[in-house]
């Protein structure tokens, strides 16, 4: 049993992140499993200076630990490119020079309905180029690599939500222009390399799962169990963001909220405790059961930490 925490240093950890990481940690530790920490730091323009250090400090403050060294995606680019090249050699990925604007315009025809995770790629570059070099020579553009999707569904069993249809539409990017991996490819390569057997994450990533399953199978890698838990939302029902005020762990720490106070609050949000009382993550292990987590999004805002 191997679980993982995989924060991205694109900002500070907030209540929603903390609750998901707590559940991921509890799910592994309650069954005697190990927990790994991976910093997903390859989204260059969005990485915030000092965010990695703050994230690690916040996780430790919360009482979450991990096994082994911290794993950083930025040190593994060669492995991602090798995986992408394997897909190209198998005829499963191809160069694409389409810009985001061109993808949006091609998918905006009246007969096209846009899925929750973005516009459907129209397949404009399928079969157009034999290599990245050819694409660059003929168009003067750097090319990304897209994975060929020839199925409409990838059914799977979710560890929290049960059977899923796994709908998937359109070829998706596995390597960006310039050679950096897309999220979908990087997490597949890393979870397999780290022998991760369970991925607990928020259900806004549910649409990514069919894509990742296709990549596991194309690369001949073992698939983990996916467990998608509901989001923590604001008063408007939308996932926590800046518009809901400061819900970062750093903010609560500055306000004098202790780690046991925050964990106790997250335990109530997660259905693990009936009423709020200070506790540590380890104190939640004895009777942890993922089935107690509410199936609907839960509201979490900073006022509740101070109120009765």
C-alpha atoms as a PDB file:
ATOM      1  CA  UNK A   1       0.000   0.000   0.000  1.00  0.00           C
ATOM      2  CA  UNK A   2       1.674   3.211  -1.201  1.00  0.00           C
ATOM      3  CA  UNK A   3      -0.080   6.573  -1.160  1.00  0.00           C
ATOM      4  CA  UNK A   4       1.243   9.978  -2.056  1.00  0.00           C
ATOM      5  CA  UNK A   5       0.924  13.690  -1.429  1.00  0.00           C
ATOM      6  CA  UNK A   6       1.576  15.670  -4.609  1.00  0.00           C
ATOM      7  CA  UNK A   7       1.324  19.435  -4.083  1.00  0.00           C
ATOM      8  CA  UNK A   8       2.195  21.891  -6.835  1.00  0.00           C
ATOM      9  CA  UNK A   9       4.100  25.009  -5.661  1.00  0.00           C
ATOM     10  CA  UNK A  10       1.938  27.398  -7.651  1.00  0.00           C
ATOM     11  CA  UNK A  11       0.575  29.058  -4.519  1.00  0.00           C
ATOM     12  CA  UNK A  12      -0.118  28.483  -0.849  1.00  0.00           C
ATOM     13  CA  UNK A  13      -1.915  25.489   0.650  1.00  0.00           C
ATOM     14  CA  UNK A  14      -5.512  26.289   1.593  1.00  0.00           C
ATOM     15  CA  UNK A  15      -8.223  24.419   3.474  1.00  0.00           C
ATOM     16  CA  UNK A  16      -9.259  22.386   0.446  1.00  0.00           C
ATOM     17  CA  UNK A  17      -5.701  21.198  -0.217  1.00  0.00           C
ATOM     18  CA  UNK A  18      -5.209  20.396   3.463  1.00  0.00           C
ATOM     19  CA  UNK A  19      -8.369  18.320   3.651  1.00  0.00           C
ATOM     20  CA  UNK A  20      -7.457  16.276   0.557  1.00  0.00           C
ATOM     21  CA  UNK A  21      -3.910  15.679   1.796  1.00  0.00           C
ATOM     22  CA  UNK A  22      -5.219  14.672   5.217  1.00  0.00           C
ATOM     23  CA  UNK A  23      -7.547  12.091   3.664  1.00  0.00           C
ATOM     24  CA  UNK A  24      -4.784  10.759   1.408  1.00  0.00           C
ATOM     25  CA  UNK A  25      -2.460  10.414   4.395  1.00  0.00           C
ATOM     26  CA  UNK A  26      -5.101   8.752   6.570  1.00  0.00           C
ATOM     27  CA  UNK A  27      -6.118   6.323   3.842  1.00  0.00           C
ATOM     28  CA  UNK A  28      -2.566   5.012   3.511  1.00  0.00           C
ATOM     29  CA  UNK A  29      -1.449   5.158   7.145  1.00  0.00           C
ATOM     30  CA  UNK A  30      -4.648   3.554   8.494  1.00  0.00           C
ATOM     31  CA  UNK A  31      -3.777   0.405   6.532  1.00  0.00           C
ATOM     32  CA  UNK A  32      -0.119   0.414   7.475  1.00  0.00           C
ATOM     33  CA  UNK A  33       0.958   1.812   4.130  1.00  0.00           C
ATOM     34  CA  UNK A  34       3.669   4.272   3.241  1.00  0.00           C
ATOM     35  CA  UNK A  35       3.193   7.874   2.113  1.00  0.00           C
ATOM     36  CA  UNK A  36       5.434   9.623  -0.410  1.00  0.00           C
ATOM     37  CA  UNK A  37       5.818  13.349  -1.003  1.00  0.00           C
ATOM     38  CA  UNK A  38       6.192  14.588  -4.567  1.00  0.00           C
ATOM     39  CA  UNK A  39       6.534  18.256  -5.477  1.00  0.00           C
ATOM     40  CA  UNK A  40       4.999  18.781  -8.918  1.00  0.00           C
ATOM     41  CA  UNK A  41       7.158  21.730  -9.955  1.00  0.00           C
ATOM     42  CA  UNK A  42       7.291  21.579 -13.755  1.00  0.00           C
ATOM     43  CA  UNK A  43       4.649  24.223 -14.531  1.00  0.00           C
ATOM     44  CA  UNK A  44       7.362  26.887 -14.847  1.00  0.00           C
ATOM     45  CA  UNK A  45       5.416  30.167 -15.312  1.00  0.00           C
ATOM     46  CA  UNK A  46       3.040  29.376 -12.449  1.00  0.00           C
ATOM     47  CA  UNK A  47       5.639  28.306  -9.878  1.00  0.00           C
ATOM     48  CA  UNK A  48       5.844  30.821  -7.030  1.00  0.00           C
ATOM     49  CA  UNK A  49       9.209  31.588  -5.366  1.00  0.00           C
ATOM     50  CA  UNK A  50       9.370  30.059  -1.910  1.00  0.00           C
ATOM     51  CA  UNK A  51       6.169  28.047  -2.407  1.00  0.00           C
ATOM     52  CA  UNK A  52       7.944  24.679  -2.182  1.00  0.00           C
ATOM     53  CA  UNK A  53       9.449  25.491   1.183  1.00  0.00           C
ATOM     54  CA  UNK A  54       6.173  26.916   2.476  1.00  0.00           C
ATOM     55  CA  UNK A  55       4.266  23.829   1.327  1.00  0.00           C
ATOM     56  CA  UNK A  56       6.631  21.438   3.094  1.00  0.00           C
ATOM     57  CA  UNK A  57       6.516  23.572   6.246  1.00  0.00           C
ATOM     58  CA  UNK A  58       2.696  23.651   6.183  1.00  0.00           C
ATOM     59  CA  UNK A  59       2.417  19.868   5.772  1.00  0.00           C
ATOM     60  CA  UNK A  60       4.771  19.266   8.684  1.00  0.00           C
ATOM     61  CA  UNK A  61       2.932  21.818  10.818  1.00  0.00           C
ATOM     62  CA  UNK A  62      -0.339  20.042  10.058  1.00  0.00           C
ATOM     63  CA  UNK A  63       1.163  16.791  11.376  1.00  0.00           C
ATOM     64  CA  UNK A  64       1.521  14.916   8.077  1.00  0.00           C
ATOM     65  CA  UNK A  65       4.735  12.987   7.526  1.00  0.00           C
ATOM     66  CA  UNK A  66       6.110  10.971   4.623  1.00  0.00           C
ATOM     67  CA  UNK A  67       8.582   8.217   3.901  1.00  0.00           C
ATOM     68  CA  UNK A  68      11.893   8.758   2.148  1.00  0.00           C
ATOM     69  CA  UNK A  69      13.210  11.836   0.403  1.00  0.00           C
ATOM     70  CA  UNK A  70      11.097  14.525  -1.212  1.00  0.00           C
ATOM     71  CA  UNK A  71      10.569  13.699  -4.893  1.00  0.00           C
ATOM     72  CA  UNK A  72      10.707  16.652  -7.352  1.00  0.00           C
ATOM     73  CA  UNK A  73       9.414  16.453 -10.905  1.00  0.00           C
ATOM     74  CA  UNK A  74      11.840  19.117 -12.135  1.00  0.00           C
ATOM     75  CA  UNK A  75      14.708  16.615 -11.820  1.00  0.00           C
ATOM     76  CA  UNK A  76      13.013  14.019 -14.035  1.00  0.00           C
ATOM     77  CA  UNK A  77      12.503  15.736 -17.389  1.00  0.00           C
ATOM     78  CA  UNK A  78      14.694  13.223 -19.245  1.00  0.00           C
ATOM     79  CA  UNK A  79      12.426  10.368 -18.145  1.00  0.00           C
ATOM     80  CA  UNK A  80       9.276  12.186 -19.275  1.00  0.00           C
ATOM     81  CA  UNK A  81      10.757  12.863 -22.704  1.00  0.00           C
ATOM     82  CA  UNK A  82      11.767   9.215 -23.022  1.00  0.00           C
ATOM     83  CA  UNK A  83       8.196   8.138 -22.221  1.00  0.00           C
ATOM     84  CA  UNK A  84       6.801  10.603 -24.778  1.00  0.00           C
ATOM     85  CA  UNK A  85       9.221   9.286 -27.404  1.00  0.00           C
ATOM     86  CA  UNK A  86       8.070   5.729 -26.702  1.00  0.00           C
ATOM     87  CA  UNK A  87       4.513   6.809 -27.465  1.00  0.00           C
ATOM     88  CA  UNK A  88       5.646   8.405 -30.736  1.00  0.00           C
ATOM     89  CA  UNK A  89       7.539   5.256 -31.751  1.00  0.00           C
ATOM     90  CA  UNK A  90       4.420   3.180 -31.047  1.00  0.00           C
ATOM     91  CA  UNK A  91       2.346   5.457 -33.265  1.00  0.00           C
ATOM     92  CA  UNK A  92       0.311   6.572 -30.256  1.00  0.00           C
ATOM     93  CA  UNK A  93       1.464  10.211 -30.155  1.00  0.00           C
ATOM     94  CA  UNK A  94       2.103  12.764 -32.899  1.00  0.00           C
ATOM     95  CA  UNK A  95       3.416  16.337 -33.336  1.00  0.00           C
ATOM     96  CA  UNK A  96       0.868  19.147 -33.137  1.00  0.00           C
ATOM     97  CA  UNK A  97       1.549  22.808 -33.995  1.00  0.00           C
ATOM     98  CA  UNK A  98      -1.946  24.120 -33.247  1.00  0.00           C
ATOM     99  CA  UNK A  99      -2.141  27.099 -30.914  1.00  0.00           C
ATOM    100  CA  UNK A 100      -4.664  27.254 -28.089  1.00  0.00           C
ATOM    101  CA  UNK A 101      -6.642  29.821 -30.058  1.00  0.00           C
ATOM    102  CA  UNK A 102      -6.773  27.519 -33.086  1.00  0.00           C
ATOM    103  CA  UNK A 103      -7.924  24.607 -30.928  1.00  0.00           C
ATOM    104  CA  UNK A 104     -10.661  26.791 -29.400  1.00  0.00           C
ATOM    105  CA  UNK A 105     -11.822  28.004 -32.812  1.00  0.00           C
ATOM    106  CA  UNK A 106     -11.856  24.507 -34.330  1.00  0.00           C
ATOM    107  CA  UNK A 107     -13.945  23.225 -31.425  1.00  0.00           C
ATOM    108  CA  UNK A 108     -16.457  26.085 -31.492  1.00  0.00           C
ATOM    109  CA  UNK A 109     -18.632  24.754 -34.315  1.00  0.00           C
ATOM    110  CA  UNK A 110     -22.340  24.531 -33.368  1.00  0.00           C
ATOM    111  CA  UNK A 111     -22.325  20.736 -33.358  1.00  0.00           C
ATOM    112  CA  UNK A 112     -19.497  20.554 -30.842  1.00  0.00           C
ATOM    113  CA  UNK A 113     -20.343  20.508 -27.148  1.00  0.00           C
ATOM    114  CA  UNK A 114     -17.474  21.436 -24.853  1.00  0.00           C
ATOM    115  CA  UNK A 115     -16.703  19.043 -21.990  1.00  0.00           C
ATOM    116  CA  UNK A 116     -16.019  20.244 -18.479  1.00  0.00           C
ATOM    117  CA  UNK A 117     -12.248  20.067 -18.898  1.00  0.00           C
ATOM    118  CA  UNK A 118     -11.959  22.192 -22.052  1.00  0.00           C
ATOM    119  CA  UNK A 119     -12.561  22.148 -25.811  1.00  0.00           C
ATOM    120  CA  UNK A 120     -12.238  18.939 -27.808  1.00  0.00           C
ATOM    121  CA  UNK A 121      -9.240  18.842 -30.139  1.00  0.00           C
ATOM    122  CA  UNK A 122     -10.372  18.430 -33.733  1.00  0.00           C
ATOM    123  CA  UNK A 123      -7.432  16.254 -34.813  1.00  0.00           C
ATOM    124  CA  UNK A 124      -6.029  18.886 -37.185  1.00  0.00           C
ATOM    125  CA  UNK A 125      -2.440  17.602 -37.019  1.00  0.00           C
ATOM    126  CA  UNK A 126      -3.156  13.870 -36.995  1.00  0.00           C
ATOM    127  CA  UNK A 127      -1.012  12.256 -39.683  1.00  0.00           C
ATOM    128  CA  UNK A 128       0.413  15.622 -40.773  1.00  0.00           C
ATOM    129  CA  UNK A 129       4.022  15.311 -39.568  1.00  0.00           C
ATOM    130  CA  UNK A 130       6.383  12.375 -39.155  1.00  0.00           C
ATOM    131  CA  UNK A 131       8.490  14.061 -36.490  1.00  0.00           C
ATOM    132  CA  UNK A 132       8.941  17.152 -34.342  1.00  0.00           C
ATOM    133  CA  UNK A 133      11.722  18.276 -36.663  1.00  0.00           C
ATOM    134  CA  UNK A 134       9.485  18.049 -39.716  1.00  0.00           C
ATOM    135  CA  UNK A 135       6.749  20.012 -37.971  1.00  0.00           C
ATOM    136  CA  UNK A 136       9.249  22.745 -37.073  1.00  0.00           C
ATOM    137  CA  UNK A 137      10.731  22.909 -40.601  1.00  0.00           C
ATOM    138  CA  UNK A 138       7.389  23.074 -42.377  1.00  0.00           C
ATOM    139  CA  UNK A 139       5.599  25.508 -40.083  1.00  0.00           C
ATOM    140  CA  UNK A 140       8.304  27.454 -38.273  1.00  0.00           C
ATOM    141  CA  UNK A 141       6.564  26.536 -35.011  1.00  0.00           C
ATOM    142  CA  UNK A 142       7.644  24.399 -32.093  1.00  0.00           C
ATOM    143  CA  UNK A 143       5.357  21.371 -31.828  1.00  0.00           C
ATOM    144  CA  UNK A 144       3.731  19.699 -28.873  1.00  0.00           C
ATOM    145  CA  UNK A 145       2.961  15.972 -28.787  1.00  0.00           C
ATOM    146  CA  UNK A 146      -0.610  14.723 -28.589  1.00  0.00           C
ATOM    147  CA  UNK A 147      -1.818  11.259 -27.615  1.00  0.00           C
ATOM    148  CA  UNK A 148      -4.182   9.589 -30.090  1.00  0.00           C
ATOM    149  CA  UNK A 149      -7.560   8.837 -28.526  1.00  0.00           C
ATOM    150  CA  UNK A 150      -9.558   6.272 -30.504  1.00  0.00           C
ATOM    151  CA  UNK A 151     -12.079   5.327 -27.822  1.00  0.00           C
ATOM    152  CA  UNK A 152     -14.981   7.238 -26.346  1.00  0.00           C
ATOM    153  CA  UNK A 153     -14.883   5.713 -22.866  1.00  0.00           C
ATOM    154  CA  UNK A 154     -12.377   4.232 -20.436  1.00  0.00           C
ATOM    155  CA  UNK A 155     -14.526   2.701 -17.665  1.00  0.00           C
ATOM    156  CA  UNK A 156     -12.928   2.333 -14.244  1.00  0.00           C
ATOM    157  CA  UNK A 157     -13.799   1.719 -10.603  1.00  0.00           C
ATOM    158  CA  UNK A 158     -13.251   4.715  -8.347  1.00  0.00           C
ATOM    159  CA  UNK A 159     -12.402   3.921  -4.724  1.00  0.00           C
ATOM    160  CA  UNK A 160     -14.870   6.539  -3.465  1.00  0.00           C
ATOM    161  CA  UNK A 161     -17.376   7.163  -6.247  1.00  0.00           C
ATOM    162  CA  UNK A 162     -17.756   3.600  -7.506  1.00  0.00           C
ATOM    163  CA  UNK A 163     -18.103   2.626 -11.199  1.00  0.00           C
ATOM    164  CA  UNK A 164     -17.282   5.443 -13.623  1.00  0.00           C
ATOM    165  CA  UNK A 165     -18.014   5.727 -17.347  1.00  0.00           C
ATOM    166  CA  UNK A 166     -14.670   7.383 -17.982  1.00  0.00           C
ATOM    167  CA  UNK A 167     -15.798   9.482 -20.914  1.00  0.00           C
ATOM    168  CA  UNK A 168     -12.987  10.868 -23.036  1.00  0.00           C
ATOM    169  CA  UNK A 169     -13.025  12.991 -26.181  1.00  0.00           C
ATOM    170  CA  UNK A 170     -10.217  14.287 -28.330  1.00  0.00           C
ATOM    171  CA  UNK A 171      -6.475  13.790 -28.517  1.00  0.00           C
ATOM    172  CA  UNK A 172      -4.670  15.381 -25.576  1.00  0.00           C
ATOM    173  CA  UNK A 173      -1.226  16.894 -25.048  1.00  0.00           C
ATOM    174  CA  UNK A 174       1.451  14.733 -23.399  1.00  0.00           C
ATOM    175  CA  UNK A 175       4.437  16.961 -24.145  1.00  0.00           C
ATOM    176  CA  UNK A 176       4.344  20.731 -24.406  1.00  0.00           C
ATOM    177  CA  UNK A 177       6.215  22.923 -26.855  1.00  0.00           C
ATOM    178  CA  UNK A 178       9.805  23.091 -25.667  1.00  0.00           C
ATOM    179  CA  UNK A 179       9.800  19.542 -24.327  1.00  0.00           C
ATOM    180  CA  UNK A 180       8.269  19.812 -20.860  1.00  0.00           C
ATOM    181  CA  UNK A 181       5.732  17.083 -20.043  1.00  0.00           C
ATOM    182  CA  UNK A 182       2.042  17.752 -19.655  1.00  0.00           C
ATOM    183  CA  UNK A 183       0.522  16.963 -16.269  1.00  0.00           C
ATOM    184  CA  UNK A 184      -1.124  13.786 -17.575  1.00  0.00           C
ATOM    185  CA  UNK A 185       2.135  12.160 -18.652  1.00  0.00           C
ATOM    186  CA  UNK A 186       4.281  13.330 -15.737  1.00  0.00           C
ATOM    187  CA  UNK A 187       2.000  11.961 -13.024  1.00  0.00           C
ATOM    188  CA  UNK A 188       1.662   8.609 -14.774  1.00  0.00           C
ATOM    189  CA  UNK A 189       5.427   8.192 -15.146  1.00  0.00           C
ATOM    190  CA  UNK A 190       6.029   9.281 -11.544  1.00  0.00           C
ATOM    191  CA  UNK A 191       3.293   7.228  -9.880  1.00  0.00           C
ATOM    192  CA  UNK A 192       4.559   4.136 -11.680  1.00  0.00           C
ATOM    193  CA  UNK A 193       8.200   4.888 -10.799  1.00  0.00           C
ATOM    194  CA  UNK A 194       7.276   5.374  -7.143  1.00  0.00           C
ATOM    195  CA  UNK A 195       5.112   2.220  -7.116  1.00  0.00           C
ATOM    196  CA  UNK A 196       2.084   4.235  -5.969  1.00  0.00           C
ATOM    197  CA  UNK A 197      -0.917   1.947  -5.492  1.00  0.00           C
ATOM    198  CA  UNK A 198      -3.543   4.518  -4.437  1.00  0.00           C
ATOM    199  CA  UNK A 199      -4.139   8.079  -5.648  1.00  0.00           C
ATOM    200  CA  UNK A 200      -6.431  10.094  -3.379  1.00  0.00           C
ATOM    201  CA  UNK A 201      -7.238  13.501  -4.858  1.00  0.00           C
ATOM    202  CA  UNK A 202     -10.045  16.009  -5.278  1.00  0.00           C
ATOM    203  CA  UNK A 203     -12.776  15.150  -7.757  1.00  0.00           C
ATOM    204  CA  UNK A 204     -12.064  18.141 -10.001  1.00  0.00           C
ATOM    205  CA  UNK A 205      -9.359  15.834 -11.409  1.00  0.00           C
ATOM    206  CA  UNK A 206     -11.837  13.083 -12.250  1.00  0.00           C
ATOM    207  CA  UNK A 207     -11.846  14.007 -15.989  1.00  0.00           C
ATOM    208  CA  UNK A 208      -8.069  13.391 -16.053  1.00  0.00           C
ATOM    209  CA  UNK A 209      -8.388   9.770 -15.003  1.00  0.00           C
ATOM    210  CA  UNK A 210      -9.432   8.231 -18.362  1.00  0.00           C
ATOM    211  CA  UNK A 211      -6.496   9.974 -20.037  1.00  0.00           C
ATOM    212  CA  UNK A 212      -4.078   8.720 -17.440  1.00  0.00           C
ATOM    213  CA  UNK A 213      -5.423   5.178 -17.661  1.00  0.00           C
ATOM    214  CA  UNK A 214      -4.803   5.200 -21.424  1.00  0.00           C
ATOM    215  CA  UNK A 215      -1.223   6.293 -20.781  1.00  0.00           C
ATOM    216  CA  UNK A 216      -0.630   3.600 -18.156  1.00  0.00           C
ATOM    217  CA  UNK A 217      -1.796   0.985 -20.632  1.00  0.00           C
ATOM    218  CA  UNK A 218       0.125   2.409 -23.581  1.00  0.00           C
ATOM    219  CA  UNK A 219       3.349   2.441 -21.555  1.00  0.00           C
ATOM    220  CA  UNK A 220       2.724  -0.974 -19.993  1.00  0.00           C
ATOM    221  CA  UNK A 221       2.640   0.395 -16.445  1.00  0.00           C
ATOM    222  CA  UNK A 222       0.633  -0.853 -13.429  1.00  0.00           C
ATOM    223  CA  UNK A 223      -2.469   1.219 -12.661  1.00  0.00           C
ATOM    224  CA  UNK A 224      -3.161   2.561  -9.166  1.00  0.00           C
ATOM    225  CA  UNK A 225      -6.576   2.739  -7.535  1.00  0.00           C
ATOM    226  CA  UNK A 226      -8.038   6.219  -8.020  1.00  0.00           C
ATOM    227  CA  UNK A 227     -10.016   7.747  -5.152  1.00  0.00           C
ATOM    228  CA  UNK A 228     -11.724  11.071  -5.897  1.00  0.00           C
ATOM    229  CA  UNK A 229     -13.097  12.931  -2.886  1.00  0.00           C
ATOM    230  CA  UNK A 230     -15.460  15.939  -3.099  1.00  0.00           C
ATOM    231  CA  UNK A 231     -14.132  19.483  -3.068  1.00  0.00           C
ATOM    232  CA  UNK A 232     -14.216  21.945  -0.209  1.00  0.00           C
ATOM    233  CA  UNK A 233     -16.192  24.925  -1.521  1.00  0.00           C
ATOM    234  CA  UNK A 234     -17.048  28.479  -0.529  1.00  0.00           C
ATOM    235  CA  UNK A 235     -20.395  30.044   0.262  1.00  0.00           C
ATOM    236  CA  UNK A 236     -21.129  30.252  -3.488  1.00  0.00           C
ATOM    237  CA  UNK A 237     -20.687  26.517  -3.971  1.00  0.00           C
ATOM    238  CA  UNK A 238     -17.491  26.948  -6.002  1.00  0.00           C
ATOM    239  CA  UNK A 239     -14.090  25.530  -5.102  1.00  0.00           C
ATOM    240  CA  UNK A 240     -12.101  27.655  -2.668  1.00  0.00           C
ATOM    241  CA  UNK A 241     -10.253  30.539  -4.324  1.00  0.00           C
ATOM    242  CA  UNK A 242      -9.097  34.087  -3.618  1.00  0.00           C
ATOM    243  CA  UNK A 243     -12.662  35.358  -3.990  1.00  0.00           C
ATOM    244  CA  UNK A 244     -13.534  33.511  -0.767  1.00  0.00           C
ATOM    245  CA  UNK A 245     -10.937  35.376   1.254  1.00  0.00           C
ATOM    246  CA  UNK A 246      -7.712  34.041   2.699  1.00  0.00           C
ATOM    247  CA  UNK A 247      -8.173  30.360   3.564  1.00  0.00           C
ATOM    248  CA  UNK A 248      -4.466  29.512   3.429  1.00  0.00           C
ATOM    249  CA  UNK A 249      -2.824  27.548   6.208  1.00  0.00           C
ATOM    250  CA  UNK A 250      -0.291  30.363   6.568  1.00  0.00           C
ATOM    251  CA  UNK A 251      -3.153  32.800   7.265  1.00  0.00           C
ATOM    252  CA  UNK A 252      -4.618  30.599   9.999  1.00  0.00           C
ATOM    253  CA  UNK A 253      -1.196  30.172  11.572  1.00  0.00           C
ATOM    254  CA  UNK A 254      -0.747  33.941  11.661  1.00  0.00           C
ATOM    255  CA  UNK A 255      -4.161  34.243  13.305  1.00  0.00           C
ATOM    256  CA  UNK A 256      -3.111  31.897  16.108  1.00  0.00           C
ATOM    257  CA  UNK A 257      -5.063  28.826  14.985  1.00  0.00           C
ATOM    258  CA  UNK A 258      -3.180  25.732  16.167  1.00  0.00           C
ATOM    259  CA  UNK A 259      -2.591  22.649  14.032  1.00  0.00           C
ATOM    260  CA  UNK A 260      -4.840  20.457  16.258  1.00  0.00           C
ATOM    261  CA  UNK A 261      -7.617  23.078  15.934  1.00  0.00           C
ATOM    262  CA  UNK A 262      -7.342  22.992  12.156  1.00  0.00           C
ATOM    263  CA  UNK A 263      -7.159  19.193  11.963  1.00  0.00           C
ATOM    264  CA  UNK A 264     -10.211  18.964  14.228  1.00  0.00           C
ATOM    265  CA  UNK A 265     -12.104  21.270  11.885  1.00  0.00           C
ATOM    266  CA  UNK A 266     -11.026  19.253   8.826  1.00  0.00           C
ATOM    267  CA  UNK A 267     -12.159  16.080  10.623  1.00  0.00           C
ATOM    268  CA  UNK A 268     -15.674  17.546  10.949  1.00  0.00           C
ATOM    269  CA  UNK A 269     -15.663  18.628   7.277  1.00  0.00           C
ATOM    270  CA  UNK A 270     -14.660  15.066   6.379  1.00  0.00           C
ATOM    271  CA  UNK A 271     -17.343  13.357   8.480  1.00  0.00           C
ATOM    272  CA  UNK A 272     -14.704  11.769  10.714  1.00  0.00           C
ATOM    273  CA  UNK A 273     -15.865  13.559  13.857  1.00  0.00           C
ATOM    274  CA  UNK A 274     -19.353  14.692  14.853  1.00  0.00           C
ATOM    275  CA  UNK A 275     -18.210  17.879  16.582  1.00  0.00           C
ATOM    276  CA  UNK A 276     -15.154  20.041  16.440  1.00  0.00           C
ATOM    277  CA  UNK A 277     -12.372  19.354  18.953  1.00  0.00           C
ATOM    278  CA  UNK A 278      -8.580  19.640  18.650  1.00  0.00           C
ATOM    279  CA  UNK A 279      -6.871  16.485  17.461  1.00  0.00           C
ATOM    280  CA  UNK A 280      -3.863  15.281  15.478  1.00  0.00           C
ATOM    281  CA  UNK A 281      -3.892  13.251  12.252  1.00  0.00           C
ATOM    282  CA  UNK A 282      -2.627  10.210  14.166  1.00  0.00           C
ATOM    283  CA  UNK A 283      -5.585  10.409  16.541  1.00  0.00           C
ATOM    284  CA  UNK A 284      -7.885   9.940  13.547  1.00  0.00           C
ATOM    285  CA  UNK A 285      -6.248   6.706  12.392  1.00  0.00           C
ATOM    286  CA  UNK A 286      -7.882   4.204  14.767  1.00  0.00           C
ATOM    287  CA  UNK A 287     -11.413   4.523  13.384  1.00  0.00           C
ATOM    288  CA  UNK A 288     -10.723   6.050   9.967  1.00  0.00           C
ATOM    289  CA  UNK A 289     -13.176   4.972   7.284  1.00  0.00           C
ATOM    290  CA  UNK A 290     -13.313   6.683   3.907  1.00  0.00           C
ATOM    291  CA  UNK A 291     -17.019   5.791   3.665  1.00  0.00           C
ATOM    292  CA  UNK A 292     -17.773   8.391   6.345  1.00  0.00           C
ATOM    293  CA  UNK A 293     -16.655  11.225   4.072  1.00  0.00           C
ATOM    294  CA  UNK A 294     -19.659  13.180   2.689  1.00  0.00           C
ATOM    295  CA  UNK A 295     -20.374  12.417  -0.946  1.00  0.00           C
ATOM    296  CA  UNK A 296     -21.249  16.040  -1.728  1.00  0.00           C
ATOM    297  CA  UNK A 297     -18.943  19.096  -1.692  1.00  0.00           C
ATOM    298  CA  UNK A 298     -18.617  20.606   1.775  1.00  0.00           C
ATOM    299  CA  UNK A 299     -18.471  24.255   2.644  1.00  0.00           C
ATOM    300  CA  UNK A 300     -15.367  25.411   4.436  1.00  0.00           C
ATOM    301  CA  UNK A 301     -14.505  29.030   5.209  1.00  0.00           C
ATOM    302  CA  UNK A 302     -12.288  30.760   7.723  1.00  0.00           C
ATOM    303  CA  UNK A 303     -15.174  32.022   9.859  1.00  0.00           C
ATOM    304  CA  UNK A 304     -16.048  28.492  10.948  1.00  0.00           C
ATOM    305  CA  UNK A 305     -12.657  28.129  12.605  1.00  0.00           C
ATOM    306  CA  UNK A 306     -13.446  30.948  14.975  1.00  0.00           C
ATOM    307  CA  UNK A 307     -17.186  30.464  15.474  1.00  0.00           C
ATOM    308  CA  UNK A 308     -18.995  28.024  17.726  1.00  0.00           C
END
